[in-house]
């Protein structure tokens, strides 16, 4: 396996290069209800957003002027683990993952926002906490056992669930050929205080392991490119991220090389790259940058890294903003959920469109 790690050079000037202009438009604004915790948590490329108001969850439909469609309410006895994370989009954001409680165990309902069909996932092993849905017949789901162990299971072609490995974070590649897992393994170093180590492991669609590596450390944010041949992988602490380039040859998957991106420091000498996401054509990566003083984030904006040239630049000009979600709607358009940290009474959805200038 060829491994080449390239490190970013700080660009002093972008004169002579094309870059994206800033073109941001507010498309929706929601006034928070007094006494009700209100949040718009995610936008999907299928034209929906998830809204929570108090104990109730709704879909907001873009095509119907953000009409509210009721999804569900929290159960009376909601565990701390369920609060704030009861309803979310799967990695294929056509599908909703809805946590419910049955016989004191968490189950998962998969809801197809296109066909309106549902599928229930439950297990006697423990609590079903999350899933990655390629389609209703091909699902990776995660279970927390009573001993708080993390387990990953695969439903393949509508068959019975099969245990894959210890670990969480299962994510299908967009082409359905692979899935990755943050695999938890027993540490072979018996002298270490860490009993378990985390590996990035990639499997084929039948659950056969193709790649296993700890070269890039641990991460809390891993995303496939839409072309399924690259992964963006945040480094611990979100100071930067890796682009991992994969090689698919005759059904065998390997890591070809990687690129390590870390931007220049901000005015207070802090790095910061949050939630990097590939554009729909796989040529750009959006990420959130914060202005920080070490204890407090006082503004966030969207930046773009161009894959290949590795030039990066700012494409939003928000002030006093906290960004809650970024979704690529097209290869030149992003949807951004933001709040003004000086006035928490409103939530806004903005459309950020990328246009070229020389």
Protein backbone atom coordinates (compact mmCIF):
# COMPACT_ATOMS: atom_id res chain seq x y z
CA UNK A 1 0.00 0.00 0.00
CA UNK A 2 1.45 3.27 -1.11
CA UNK A 3 1.15 5.95 1.55
CA UNK A 4 2.10 9.53 0.85
CA UNK A 5 1.15 12.24 3.31
CA UNK A 6 1.30 15.75 1.93
CA UNK A 7 1.26 18.79 4.17
CA UNK A 8 -0.42 22.06 3.31
CA UNK A 9 1.65 25.09 2.46
CA UNK A 10 0.13 28.37 3.56
CA UNK A 11 -0.85 30.47 0.58
CA UNK A 12 0.21 34.09 1.05
CA UNK A 13 -1.68 35.30 -2.02
CA UNK A 14 -4.40 33.97 -4.31
CA UNK A 15 -3.82 36.57 -7.01
CA UNK A 16 -4.22 35.03 -10.44
CA UNK A 17 -6.41 32.17 -9.23
CA UNK A 18 -10.17 31.89 -9.69
CA UNK A 19 -12.22 31.64 -6.54
CA UNK A 20 -15.84 31.55 -5.47
CA UNK A 21 -17.70 34.78 -4.78
CA UNK A 22 -19.85 35.21 -1.68
CA UNK A 23 -23.54 34.91 -2.55
CA UNK A 24 -25.70 34.15 0.49
CA UNK A 25 -29.48 34.43 0.68
CA UNK A 26 -31.77 33.80 3.65
CA UNK A 27 -34.46 31.34 2.56
CA UNK A 28 -36.25 30.68 5.86
CA UNK A 29 -36.49 32.18 9.33
CA UNK A 30 -38.13 30.61 12.37
CA UNK A 31 -39.04 32.43 15.56
CA UNK A 32 -38.43 30.22 18.59
CA UNK A 33 -41.47 29.59 20.75
CA UNK A 34 -41.27 30.91 24.28
CA UNK A 35 -40.73 28.13 26.79
CA UNK A 36 -40.08 25.48 24.10
CA UNK A 37 -36.62 24.29 23.16
CA UNK A 38 -36.55 24.79 19.39
CA UNK A 39 -33.96 23.48 16.94
CA UNK A 40 -33.61 22.92 13.20
CA UNK A 41 -30.97 20.21 13.27
CA UNK A 42 -30.45 19.00 9.69
CA UNK A 43 -31.27 19.72 6.07
CA UNK A 44 -31.43 16.93 3.47
CA UNK A 45 -30.67 17.12 -0.24
CA UNK A 46 -34.19 15.71 -0.79
CA UNK A 47 -35.79 18.99 0.27
CA UNK A 48 -36.52 18.52 3.96
CA UNK A 49 -35.30 19.86 7.28
CA UNK A 50 -35.79 18.38 10.77
CA UNK A 51 -37.46 20.68 13.29
CA UNK A 52 -37.86 19.95 17.00
CA UNK A 53 -40.18 22.07 19.17
CA UNK A 54 -40.33 20.96 22.78
CA UNK A 55 -41.14 17.23 22.66
CA UNK A 56 -42.39 17.24 19.07
CA UNK A 57 -40.51 16.55 15.83
CA UNK A 58 -41.48 17.78 12.37
CA UNK A 59 -40.26 17.75 8.80
CA UNK A 60 -40.09 21.12 7.06
CA UNK A 61 -40.81 20.72 3.33
CA UNK A 62 -38.87 23.10 1.09
CA UNK A 63 -41.16 22.62 -1.90
CA UNK A 64 -44.22 23.57 0.15
CA UNK A 65 -42.92 26.84 1.61
CA UNK A 66 -41.45 25.02 4.62
CA UNK A 67 -44.73 23.45 5.64
CA UNK A 68 -44.54 21.52 8.93
CA UNK A 69 -45.26 17.77 8.83
CA UNK A 70 -45.48 15.99 12.20
CA UNK A 71 -43.13 13.02 12.71
CA UNK A 72 -43.40 11.96 16.35
CA UNK A 73 -43.17 13.04 19.99
CA UNK A 74 -40.72 11.97 22.66
CA UNK A 75 -41.87 9.24 25.01
CA UNK A 76 -42.76 10.28 28.55
CA UNK A 77 -39.71 8.48 29.92
CA UNK A 78 -36.92 9.67 27.65
CA UNK A 79 -33.46 8.58 28.67
CA UNK A 80 -30.63 11.15 28.73
CA UNK A 81 -29.05 9.43 25.70
CA UNK A 82 -32.18 10.03 23.64
CA UNK A 83 -32.59 13.72 24.37
CA UNK A 84 -31.81 15.94 21.41
CA UNK A 85 -30.96 13.04 19.11
CA UNK A 86 -34.23 11.24 18.62
CA UNK A 87 -34.75 11.99 14.92
CA UNK A 88 -32.01 12.45 12.31
CA UNK A 89 -31.27 11.75 8.68
CA UNK A 90 -29.32 8.65 7.74
CA UNK A 91 -26.06 8.97 5.80
CA UNK A 92 -28.23 8.61 2.69
CA UNK A 93 -30.44 11.54 3.63
CA UNK A 94 -33.45 10.14 1.82
CA UNK A 95 -34.11 8.20 5.04
CA UNK A 96 -35.01 9.27 8.56
CA UNK A 97 -33.80 7.38 11.64
CA UNK A 98 -36.33 7.67 14.46
CA UNK A 99 -35.47 6.31 17.92
CA UNK A 100 -38.38 4.85 19.84
CA UNK A 101 -38.69 2.93 23.11
CA UNK A 102 -40.26 -0.51 23.36
CA UNK A 103 -40.13 -2.71 26.47
CA UNK A 104 -37.47 -0.40 27.95
CA UNK A 105 -35.19 -0.83 24.92
CA UNK A 106 -34.44 1.63 22.17
CA UNK A 107 -35.58 0.54 18.74
CA UNK A 108 -35.10 2.31 15.43
CA UNK A 109 -37.70 3.16 12.81
CA UNK A 110 -36.41 3.85 9.29
CA UNK A 111 -38.68 6.18 7.31
CA UNK A 112 -38.30 6.64 3.54
CA UNK A 113 -39.15 10.29 2.75
CA UNK A 114 -39.77 9.38 -0.91
CA UNK A 115 -41.88 6.19 -0.76
CA UNK A 116 -43.18 6.88 2.81
CA UNK A 117 -42.45 3.24 3.74
CA UNK A 118 -41.09 2.31 7.16
CA UNK A 119 -38.93 -0.46 8.61
CA UNK A 120 -38.44 -1.38 12.27
CA UNK A 121 -35.08 -2.49 13.69
CA UNK A 122 -34.93 -4.02 17.15
CA UNK A 123 -32.69 -6.49 18.96
CA UNK A 124 -32.55 -8.40 22.25
CA UNK A 125 -28.82 -7.63 22.47
CA UNK A 126 -29.30 -4.01 23.54
CA UNK A 127 -30.36 -0.59 22.30
CA UNK A 128 -30.38 0.20 18.56
CA UNK A 129 -28.90 3.70 18.55
CA UNK A 130 -28.27 4.60 14.91
CA UNK A 131 -28.13 3.30 11.35
CA UNK A 132 -26.71 3.99 7.90
CA UNK A 133 -29.25 3.17 5.21
CA UNK A 134 -28.26 2.46 1.61
CA UNK A 135 -31.81 1.27 0.93
CA UNK A 136 -34.47 -0.56 2.94
CA UNK A 137 -32.82 -3.93 2.24
CA UNK A 138 -29.23 -2.87 2.97
CA UNK A 139 -28.68 -1.30 6.38
CA UNK A 140 -25.79 -1.02 8.81
CA UNK A 141 -26.95 -0.40 12.35
CA UNK A 142 -25.28 0.17 15.70
CA UNK A 143 -26.21 -1.37 19.04
CA UNK A 144 -25.24 -0.48 22.60
CA UNK A 145 -25.32 -3.55 24.82
CA UNK A 146 -26.28 -3.58 28.50
CA UNK A 147 -22.53 -3.60 29.22
CA UNK A 148 -22.26 -0.41 27.07
CA UNK A 149 -20.32 -2.21 24.35
CA UNK A 150 -20.67 -0.89 20.80
CA UNK A 151 -21.65 -3.47 18.16
CA UNK A 152 -22.14 -3.09 14.39
CA UNK A 153 -24.60 -5.28 12.45
CA UNK A 154 -25.33 -5.61 8.73
CA UNK A 155 -28.63 -6.34 6.99
CA UNK A 156 -27.73 -7.39 3.44
CA UNK A 157 -30.28 -7.80 0.63
CA UNK A 158 -33.13 -7.97 3.12
CA UNK A 159 -31.65 -10.97 4.96
CA UNK A 160 -31.15 -11.58 8.66
CA UNK A 161 -28.84 -9.23 10.60
CA UNK A 162 -25.19 -10.34 10.80
CA UNK A 163 -22.72 -9.15 13.43
CA UNK A 164 -19.75 -7.43 11.76
CA UNK A 165 -17.47 -6.03 14.46
CA UNK A 166 -17.18 -4.12 17.71
CA UNK A 167 -17.49 -0.44 16.89
CA UNK A 168 -19.76 2.39 15.83
CA UNK A 169 -20.02 4.98 13.08
CA UNK A 170 -20.94 2.61 10.25
CA UNK A 171 -21.40 4.50 6.96
CA UNK A 172 -22.26 3.19 3.49
CA UNK A 173 -20.30 4.50 0.53
CA UNK A 174 -22.68 6.26 -1.90
CA UNK A 175 -22.21 3.50 -4.52
CA UNK A 176 -23.11 0.78 -2.00
CA UNK A 177 -19.90 -1.21 -2.61
CA UNK A 178 -18.27 -0.47 0.76
CA UNK A 179 -18.97 0.63 4.29
CA UNK A 180 -16.66 1.95 6.97
CA UNK A 181 -16.69 1.43 10.73
CA UNK A 182 -14.79 3.03 13.59
CA UNK A 183 -13.72 -0.37 14.83
CA UNK A 184 -12.85 -0.97 18.48
CA UNK A 185 -10.11 -3.55 19.02
CA UNK A 186 -8.31 -4.89 22.07
CA UNK A 187 -5.01 -3.06 22.46
CA UNK A 188 -2.15 -5.53 21.89
CA UNK A 189 0.11 -3.33 24.04
CA UNK A 190 -0.65 -4.76 27.47
CA UNK A 191 1.44 -2.06 29.18
CA UNK A 192 -0.76 0.70 27.81
CA UNK A 193 -3.50 2.27 29.91
CA UNK A 194 -5.79 2.11 26.87
CA UNK A 195 -7.51 -1.27 26.80
CA UNK A 196 -9.12 -0.58 23.42
CA UNK A 197 -7.85 1.14 20.28
CA UNK A 198 -9.91 2.63 17.43
CA UNK A 199 -9.21 1.63 13.84
CA UNK A 200 -10.62 2.95 10.57
CA UNK A 201 -11.88 -0.25 8.93
CA UNK A 202 -13.55 -0.53 5.53
CA UNK A 203 -15.58 -3.57 4.48
CA UNK A 204 -17.12 -4.66 1.21
CA UNK A 205 -20.92 -4.79 1.01
CA UNK A 206 -20.94 -8.42 2.21
CA UNK A 207 -18.95 -7.59 5.35
CA UNK A 208 -15.48 -8.73 4.26
CA UNK A 209 -12.75 -6.45 5.62
CA UNK A 210 -10.74 -4.63 2.95
CA UNK A 211 -8.79 -2.01 4.94
CA UNK A 212 -7.71 -1.63 8.56
CA UNK A 213 -5.56 1.32 9.69
CA UNK A 214 -4.84 3.57 12.67
CA UNK A 215 -2.48 5.77 10.62
CA UNK A 216 -4.75 8.79 10.90
CA UNK A 217 -5.48 8.61 14.62
CA UNK A 218 -8.99 8.83 16.06
CA UNK A 219 -11.77 10.94 14.61
CA UNK A 220 -15.32 12.00 15.43
CA UNK A 221 -16.17 12.99 11.84
CA UNK A 222 -15.73 10.75 8.76
CA UNK A 223 -17.48 11.30 5.42
CA UNK A 224 -17.39 9.57 2.02
CA UNK A 225 -17.12 11.50 -1.21
CA UNK A 226 -20.15 11.12 -3.55
CA UNK A 227 -17.80 9.32 -5.96
CA UNK A 228 -16.98 6.70 -3.25
CA UNK A 229 -13.24 6.91 -3.96
CA UNK A 230 -12.27 9.37 -1.19
CA UNK A 231 -12.89 9.90 2.51
CA UNK A 232 -12.55 13.07 4.56
CA UNK A 233 -11.38 12.29 8.09
CA UNK A 234 -11.03 14.93 10.81
CA UNK A 235 -8.01 14.78 13.06
CA UNK A 236 -8.58 14.74 16.80
CA UNK A 237 -9.43 18.22 18.08
CA UNK A 238 -10.72 19.38 14.65
CA UNK A 239 -7.51 21.31 13.90
CA UNK A 240 -7.46 19.84 10.40
CA UNK A 241 -8.46 16.84 8.36
CA UNK A 242 -7.17 14.17 6.00
CA UNK A 243 -8.39 13.41 2.52
CA UNK A 244 -7.86 9.67 2.08
CA UNK A 245 -7.70 8.56 -1.56
CA UNK A 246 -8.78 4.97 -2.25
CA UNK A 247 -7.87 2.60 -5.05
CA UNK A 248 -10.47 0.08 -6.24
CA UNK A 249 -8.79 -2.54 -8.43
CA UNK A 250 -10.61 -5.71 -9.42
CA UNK A 251 -12.80 -5.51 -6.34
CA UNK A 252 -9.86 -5.06 -3.96
CA UNK A 253 -9.82 -1.76 -2.06
CA UNK A 254 -6.65 -0.10 -0.76
CA UNK A 255 -5.43 3.32 0.35
CA UNK A 256 -3.52 4.98 -2.49
CA UNK A 257 -2.37 8.12 -0.69
CA UNK A 258 -3.57 10.84 1.68
CA UNK A 259 -3.45 14.62 1.99
CA UNK A 260 -3.28 16.39 5.33
CA UNK A 261 -5.03 19.77 5.39
CA UNK A 262 -4.53 22.22 8.21
CA UNK A 263 -5.38 25.87 7.51
CA UNK A 264 -3.42 28.87 8.66
CA UNK A 265 -4.10 30.00 12.22
CA UNK A 266 -6.70 32.64 12.94
CA UNK A 267 -5.91 36.02 14.53
CA UNK A 268 -5.82 34.36 17.97
CA UNK A 269 -3.43 31.61 16.77
CA UNK A 270 -6.06 28.87 16.65
CA UNK A 271 -6.76 26.38 13.89
CA UNK A 272 -10.23 25.07 13.28
CA UNK A 273 -11.94 22.91 10.67
CA UNK A 274 -15.36 21.61 11.63
CA UNK A 275 -17.61 19.17 9.75
CA UNK A 276 -15.86 18.89 6.36
CA UNK A 277 -18.17 17.67 3.57
CA UNK A 278 -17.57 16.84 -0.11
CA UNK A 279 -19.56 18.67 -2.77
CA UNK A 280 -21.89 16.52 -4.87
CA UNK A 281 -19.34 16.26 -7.70
CA UNK A 282 -16.52 15.48 -5.23
CA UNK A 283 -14.31 18.38 -6.36
CA UNK A 284 -14.66 20.61 -3.27
CA UNK A 285 -14.82 20.22 0.50
CA UNK A 286 -16.78 22.66 2.63
CA UNK A 287 -15.81 23.18 6.25
CA UNK A 288 -16.71 25.51 9.11
CA UNK A 289 -14.09 27.84 10.54
CA UNK A 290 -14.51 29.52 13.91
CA UNK A 291 -12.96 32.66 15.32
CA UNK A 292 -11.85 31.53 18.76
CA UNK A 293 -10.03 32.81 21.81
CA UNK A 294 -9.45 29.37 23.32
CA UNK A 295 -12.58 29.36 25.46
CA UNK A 296 -15.30 30.86 23.29
CA UNK A 297 -16.29 30.66 19.64
CA UNK A 298 -17.64 34.05 18.60
CA UNK A 299 -18.20 33.62 14.86
CA UNK A 300 -18.40 30.82 12.30
CA UNK A 301 -18.27 30.89 8.51
CA UNK A 302 -18.16 28.46 5.59
CA UNK A 303 -14.90 27.86 3.75
CA UNK A 304 -14.08 25.78 0.67
CA UNK A 305 -11.05 23.60 -0.04
CA UNK A 306 -10.55 22.65 -3.69
CA UNK A 307 -9.46 19.05 -4.07
CA UNK A 308 -6.32 18.71 -6.19
CA UNK A 309 -5.12 22.33 -6.05
CA UNK A 310 -5.81 22.49 -2.27
CA UNK A 311 -6.61 26.19 -2.41
CA UNK A 312 -9.06 27.32 0.24
CA UNK A 313 -11.17 30.43 0.76
CA UNK A 314 -14.19 31.81 2.59
CA UNK A 315 -17.63 31.70 0.90
CA UNK A 316 -19.93 33.16 3.58
CA UNK A 317 -19.79 36.45 5.47
CA UNK A 318 -21.92 35.78 8.56
CA UNK A 319 -21.47 37.85 11.72
CA UNK A 320 -21.94 36.54 15.27
CA UNK A 321 -22.99 33.23 13.74
CA UNK A 322 -23.20 29.73 15.13
CA UNK A 323 -23.59 27.25 12.28
CA UNK A 324 -25.61 24.13 13.16
CA UNK A 325 -25.60 22.27 9.83
CA UNK A 326 -24.17 22.49 6.30
CA UNK A 327 -25.58 20.42 3.40
CA UNK A 328 -24.56 20.42 -0.26
CA UNK A 329 -27.77 20.74 -2.31
CA UNK A 330 -25.93 20.95 -5.63
CA UNK A 331 -22.26 21.03 -6.64
CA UNK A 332 -22.39 24.84 -6.41
CA UNK A 333 -24.95 25.39 -3.65
CA UNK A 334 -25.03 24.76 0.09
CA UNK A 335 -27.78 25.02 2.66
CA UNK A 336 -26.69 26.45 6.02
CA UNK A 337 -28.59 26.44 9.32
CA UNK A 338 -27.39 29.27 11.55
CA UNK A 339 -28.19 31.23 14.67
CA UNK A 340 -27.07 34.70 15.75
CA UNK A 341 -25.23 34.20 19.04
CA UNK A 342 -26.16 37.75 20.11
CA UNK A 343 -29.88 36.97 19.56
CA UNK A 344 -30.91 33.35 20.08
CA UNK A 345 -34.60 33.98 19.35
CA UNK A 346 -34.37 33.12 15.64
CA UNK A 347 -33.09 30.21 13.54
CA UNK A 348 -32.27 30.88 9.88
CA UNK A 349 -31.66 28.72 6.83
CA UNK A 350 -29.43 30.31 4.19
CA UNK A 351 -28.60 29.29 0.64
CA UNK A 352 -24.92 29.85 -0.19
CA UNK A 353 -24.25 29.70 -3.92
CA UNK A 354 -20.76 29.44 -5.39
CA UNK A 355 -19.91 31.50 -8.45
CA UNK A 356 -16.60 31.85 -10.26
CA UNK A 357 -14.55 34.98 -10.60
CA UNK A 358 -10.97 35.55 -11.80
